[in-house]
N, C-alpha and C. Protein backbone atom coordinates (compact mmCIF):
# COMPACT_ATOMS: atom_id res chain seq x y z
N SER A 1 0.67 -1.16 -0.19
CA SER A 1 -0.06 0.09 0.07
C SER A 1 1.03 1.28 0.16
N GLU A 2 0.33 2.37 -0.57
CA GLU A 2 1.17 3.54 -0.65
C GLU A 2 0.33 4.87 -0.03
N SER A 3 0.94 5.74 0.59
CA SER A 3 0.39 7.11 1.01
C SER A 3 1.16 7.99 0.72
N MET A 4 0.77 9.34 0.26
CA MET A 4 1.59 10.39 -0.10
C MET A 4 1.82 11.07 1.47
N ILE A 5 3.12 11.50 1.52
CA ILE A 5 3.84 12.00 2.71
C ILE A 5 3.35 13.56 2.39
N GLY A 6 2.52 14.06 3.23
CA GLY A 6 1.98 15.50 3.11
C GLY A 6 1.69 15.67 1.68
N MET A 7 2.12 16.99 1.23
CA MET A 7 1.76 17.22 -0.12
C MET A 7 2.78 17.14 -0.94
N SER A 8 3.66 16.32 -0.79
CA SER A 8 5.26 16.24 -1.41
C SER A 8 5.03 15.33 -2.83
N GLY A 9 4.22 14.65 -3.11
CA GLY A 9 4.23 13.96 -4.22
C GLY A 9 5.23 12.72 -3.99
N MET A 10 5.64 12.49 -2.79
CA MET A 10 6.36 11.53 -2.43
C MET A 10 5.54 10.49 -1.54
N TYR A 11 5.88 9.28 -1.82
CA TYR A 11 4.85 8.12 -1.29
C TYR A 11 5.72 7.16 -0.23
N GLU A 12 4.82 7.02 0.70
CA GLU A 12 5.41 5.92 1.76
C GLU A 12 5.19 4.70 1.22
N GLY A 13 5.67 3.58 0.96
CA GLY A 13 5.41 2.17 0.63
C GLY A 13 6.55 1.34 0.62
N GLY A 14 6.72 0.39 -0.26
CA GLY A 14 7.73 -0.47 -0.23
C GLY A 14 8.05 -0.85 -1.74
N ILE A 15 9.09 -1.64 -1.66
CA ILE A 15 9.55 -2.37 -3.02
C ILE A 15 8.51 -2.90 -4.05
N VAL A 16 7.50 -3.79 -3.32
CA VAL A 16 6.63 -4.48 -3.87
C VAL A 16 5.56 -3.22 -4.44
N SER A 17 5.14 -2.27 -3.79
CA SER A 17 4.36 -1.42 -4.33
C SER A 17 5.03 -0.57 -5.74
N ALA A 18 6.08 -0.24 -5.41
CA ALA A 18 6.93 0.38 -6.32
C ALA A 18 7.03 -0.39 -7.78
N MET A 19 7.22 -1.74 -7.63
CA MET A 19 7.25 -2.64 -8.71
C MET A 19 6.02 -2.71 -9.40
N GLU A 20 4.93 -2.96 -8.70
CA GLU A 20 3.66 -3.01 -9.03
C GLU A 20 3.07 -1.66 -10.02
N ALA A 21 3.55 -0.57 -9.42
CA ALA A 21 3.17 0.67 -10.20
C ALA A 21 3.95 0.92 -11.25
N ALA A 22 5.30 0.50 -11.16
CA ALA A 22 6.00 0.53 -12.51
C ALA A 22 5.38 -0.36 -13.66
N ASN A 23 5.29 -1.70 -13.18
CA ASN A 23 4.56 -2.53 -14.18
C ASN A 23 3.30 -2.30 -14.69
N ALA A 24 2.74 -1.60 -13.95
CA ALA A 24 1.23 -0.77 -14.44
C ALA A 24 1.36 0.20 -15.35
N GLY A 25 2.67 0.98 -15.36
CA GLY A 25 2.85 2.17 -16.23
C GLY A 25 2.60 3.22 -15.37
N LYS A 26 2.22 3.21 -14.27
CA LYS A 26 1.95 4.44 -13.26
C LYS A 26 3.08 5.40 -13.00
N ILE A 27 4.29 4.85 -13.08
CA ILE A 27 5.48 5.59 -12.57
C ILE A 27 6.71 4.98 -13.37
N GLU A 28 7.73 5.93 -13.36
CA GLU A 28 8.90 5.41 -14.21
C GLU A 28 10.01 4.79 -13.29
N PRO A 29 10.34 3.66 -13.48
CA PRO A 29 11.22 2.94 -12.35
C PRO A 29 12.33 3.75 -11.99
N GLY A 30 12.99 4.45 -12.82
CA GLY A 30 14.04 5.51 -12.59
C GLY A 30 13.86 6.44 -11.59
N ARG A 31 12.44 6.77 -11.39
CA ARG A 31 12.15 7.78 -10.45
C ARG A 31 11.92 7.35 -9.03
N CYS A 32 12.10 6.19 -8.80
CA CYS A 32 11.89 5.43 -7.45
C CYS A 32 13.42 5.68 -6.79
N LYS A 33 13.25 5.97 -5.31
CA LYS A 33 14.33 5.96 -4.28
C LYS A 33 13.80 5.48 -3.29
N PHE A 34 14.51 4.64 -2.50
CA PHE A 34 14.24 4.00 -1.15
C PHE A 34 15.00 4.37 -0.06
N PHE A 35 14.41 4.75 1.05
CA PHE A 35 14.98 5.08 2.28
C PHE A 35 14.75 4.24 3.35
N PHE A 36 15.65 3.59 4.00
CA PHE A 36 15.37 2.67 5.00
C PHE A 36 15.99 3.05 6.27
N SER A 37 15.07 3.42 7.23
CA SER A 37 15.36 3.82 8.52
C SER A 37 14.46 3.42 9.54
N HIS A 38 14.94 3.16 10.96
CA HIS A 38 14.08 3.05 12.06
C HIS A 38 14.75 3.52 13.14
N MET A 39 13.85 4.08 13.95
CA MET A 39 14.31 4.94 15.24
C MET A 39 13.28 4.64 16.28
N GLU A 40 13.69 4.37 17.56
CA GLU A 40 12.48 4.40 18.35
C GLU A 40 13.18 5.28 19.66
N PHE A 41 12.27 5.94 20.32
CA PHE A 41 12.62 7.19 21.31
C PHE A 41 11.37 6.77 22.38
N THR A 42 11.74 7.11 23.50
CA THR A 42 10.82 7.10 24.87
C THR A 42 10.20 8.38 24.76
N GLU A 43 8.90 8.40 25.35
CA GLU A 43 8.26 9.62 25.55
C GLU A 43 9.06 10.99 25.81
N LYS A 44 9.88 10.40 27.05
CA LYS A 44 10.74 11.56 27.75
C LYS A 44 11.67 12.17 26.70
N GLU A 45 12.41 11.22 25.91
CA GLU A 45 13.45 11.60 24.82
C GLU A 45 12.91 12.34 23.80
N LEU A 46 11.58 12.27 23.32
CA LEU A 46 10.81 13.03 22.32
C LEU A 46 10.67 14.50 22.84
N ASP A 47 10.08 14.59 24.19
CA ASP A 47 9.82 15.74 24.83
C ASP A 47 11.01 16.54 24.90
N ASN A 48 12.20 15.91 25.25
CA ASN A 48 13.48 16.77 25.26
C ASN A 48 14.09 17.10 24.00
N MET A 49 13.85 16.30 22.95
CA MET A 49 14.22 16.76 21.53
C MET A 49 13.27 17.94 21.02
N PHE A 50 12.00 17.75 21.13
CA PHE A 50 11.26 18.88 20.71
C PHE A 50 11.21 20.06 21.40
N ALA A 51 11.78 20.04 22.45
CA ALA A 51 11.97 21.23 23.35
C ALA A 51 13.09 22.00 22.99
N GLY A 52 14.02 21.36 22.31
CA GLY A 52 15.32 22.10 21.97
C GLY A 52 16.34 21.94 23.02
N SER A 53 17.54 22.26 22.84
CA SER A 53 18.46 22.48 23.77
C SER A 53 19.29 23.66 23.93
N ASP A 54 20.31 23.88 24.78
CA ASP A 54 21.11 25.01 25.12
C ASP A 54 22.00 25.40 23.96
N GLU A 55 22.24 24.37 23.11
CA GLU A 55 23.17 24.47 22.07
C GLU A 55 22.40 24.83 20.69
N GLY A 56 21.19 25.02 20.86
CA GLY A 56 20.44 25.61 19.63
C GLY A 56 19.98 24.55 18.68
N ASP A 57 20.04 23.27 19.11
CA ASP A 57 19.58 22.17 18.23
C ASP A 57 18.15 21.83 18.76
N MET A 58 17.43 21.48 17.75
CA MET A 58 16.09 21.16 17.93
C MET A 58 15.41 20.35 16.84
N TRP A 59 14.47 19.47 17.12
CA TRP A 59 13.75 18.85 16.13
C TRP A 59 12.58 19.53 15.60
N MET A 60 12.40 19.42 14.25
CA MET A 60 11.25 20.14 13.77
C MET A 60 11.07 19.38 12.66
N SER A 61 9.65 19.56 12.05
CA SER A 61 9.17 18.71 11.03
C SER A 61 9.02 19.84 9.93
N LEU A 62 9.83 19.55 8.56
CA LEU A 62 10.00 20.41 7.59
C LEU A 62 9.39 19.92 6.47
N GLU A 63 8.51 20.49 5.63
CA GLU A 63 8.09 19.96 4.15
C GLU A 63 8.98 20.63 3.28
N ILE A 64 9.80 19.93 2.57
CA ILE A 64 10.72 20.46 1.53
C ILE A 64 10.16 20.22 0.13
N PRO A 65 10.75 20.88 -0.83
CA PRO A 65 10.28 20.57 -1.99
C PRO A 65 10.81 19.13 -2.52
N THR A 66 10.09 18.16 -3.17
CA THR A 66 10.51 17.03 -3.59
C THR A 66 11.62 16.88 -4.45
N GLU A 67 12.01 17.84 -5.27
CA GLU A 67 13.25 17.73 -6.03
C GLU A 67 14.45 17.98 -5.11
N TYR A 68 14.35 18.30 -4.12
CA TYR A 68 15.50 18.31 -2.96
C TYR A 68 15.91 16.99 -2.62
N VAL A 69 14.91 16.12 -2.37
CA VAL A 69 15.41 14.52 -2.22
C VAL A 69 15.52 14.01 -3.42
N LEU A 70 14.60 14.21 -4.44
CA LEU A 70 14.75 13.31 -5.78
C LEU A 70 15.64 13.74 -6.84
N ASP A 71 15.76 15.11 -7.07
CA ASP A 71 16.61 15.47 -8.23
C ASP A 71 17.75 16.35 -7.69
N SER A 72 18.21 16.53 -6.52
CA SER A 72 19.21 17.50 -6.07
C SER A 72 20.52 16.91 -6.57
N ASN A 73 21.38 17.67 -6.57
CA ASN A 73 22.77 17.32 -6.82
C ASN A 73 23.67 17.57 -5.63
N TYR A 74 23.02 17.78 -4.56
CA TYR A 74 23.59 17.83 -3.04
C TYR A 74 24.04 16.17 -2.74
N SER A 75 25.17 16.32 -2.23
CA SER A 75 25.47 15.04 -1.51
C SER A 75 24.50 15.03 -0.19
N ARG A 76 24.57 13.89 0.37
CA ARG A 76 23.45 13.66 1.51
C ARG A 76 24.02 14.63 2.74
N GLY A 77 25.13 14.84 2.89
CA GLY A 77 25.74 15.73 3.84
C GLY A 77 25.44 17.19 3.53
N GLN A 78 25.56 17.80 2.18
CA GLN A 78 25.27 18.83 1.89
C GLN A 78 23.87 19.15 2.19
N LEU A 79 23.08 18.30 1.86
CA LEU A 79 21.48 18.66 1.86
C LEU A 79 21.09 18.74 3.37
N TRP A 80 21.59 17.87 4.05
CA TRP A 80 21.23 17.78 5.56
C TRP A 80 21.80 19.38 6.25
N SER A 81 23.23 19.79 5.83
CA SER A 81 23.44 21.03 6.29
C SER A 81 22.75 22.18 5.74
N LYS A 82 22.32 22.17 4.46
CA LYS A 82 21.54 23.10 4.02
C LYS A 82 20.26 23.41 4.80
N LEU A 83 19.69 22.16 5.02
CA LEU A 83 18.27 22.08 5.73
C LEU A 83 18.58 22.72 7.08
N ARG A 84 19.52 22.08 7.89
CA ARG A 84 19.68 22.77 9.31
C ARG A 84 20.11 24.18 9.25
N ASN A 85 20.65 24.76 8.23
CA ASN A 85 20.96 26.13 8.29
C ASN A 85 19.52 26.92 8.16
N LYS A 86 18.72 26.39 7.04
CA LYS A 86 17.57 26.97 6.85
C LYS A 86 16.73 26.96 7.94
N SER A 87 16.57 25.85 8.91
CA SER A 87 15.63 25.80 10.12
C SER A 87 16.20 26.82 11.08
N ARG A 88 17.39 27.03 11.06
CA ARG A 88 18.01 27.76 12.14
C ARG A 88 17.55 29.31 11.72
N GLU A 89 17.77 29.64 10.51
CA GLU A 89 17.14 30.97 10.05
C GLU A 89 15.82 31.15 10.46
N PHE A 90 15.02 30.09 10.10
CA PHE A 90 13.62 30.16 10.28
C PHE A 90 13.21 30.37 11.84
N ARG A 91 13.89 29.73 12.63
CA ARG A 91 13.63 29.64 14.11
C ARG A 91 14.13 30.91 14.74
N ASN A 92 15.24 31.67 14.10
CA ASN A 92 15.63 32.92 14.67
C ASN A 92 14.90 34.11 14.35
N ASN A 93 13.95 33.88 13.16
CA ASN A 93 13.03 35.04 12.73
C ASN A 93 11.80 35.18 13.49
């Protein structure tokens, strides 16, 4: 099954969903990227992360243009750095 993440045009799903969509002609196979990650936090850890810290770091939810993830020439580290700097600018305004 698949569901769009926000209004991004990016979908949460799996390899089987992507293969089925490609076989049905709904998507181009070269337009698929897969991201695998799993993290678990306690309620207290989440509260602390979302509250921020003295160092100025905090967690926030960002909706970014799809092309940043799918069509970007940024390396992974460069993109995270750009997003982190933009989030600091946003927070400081």
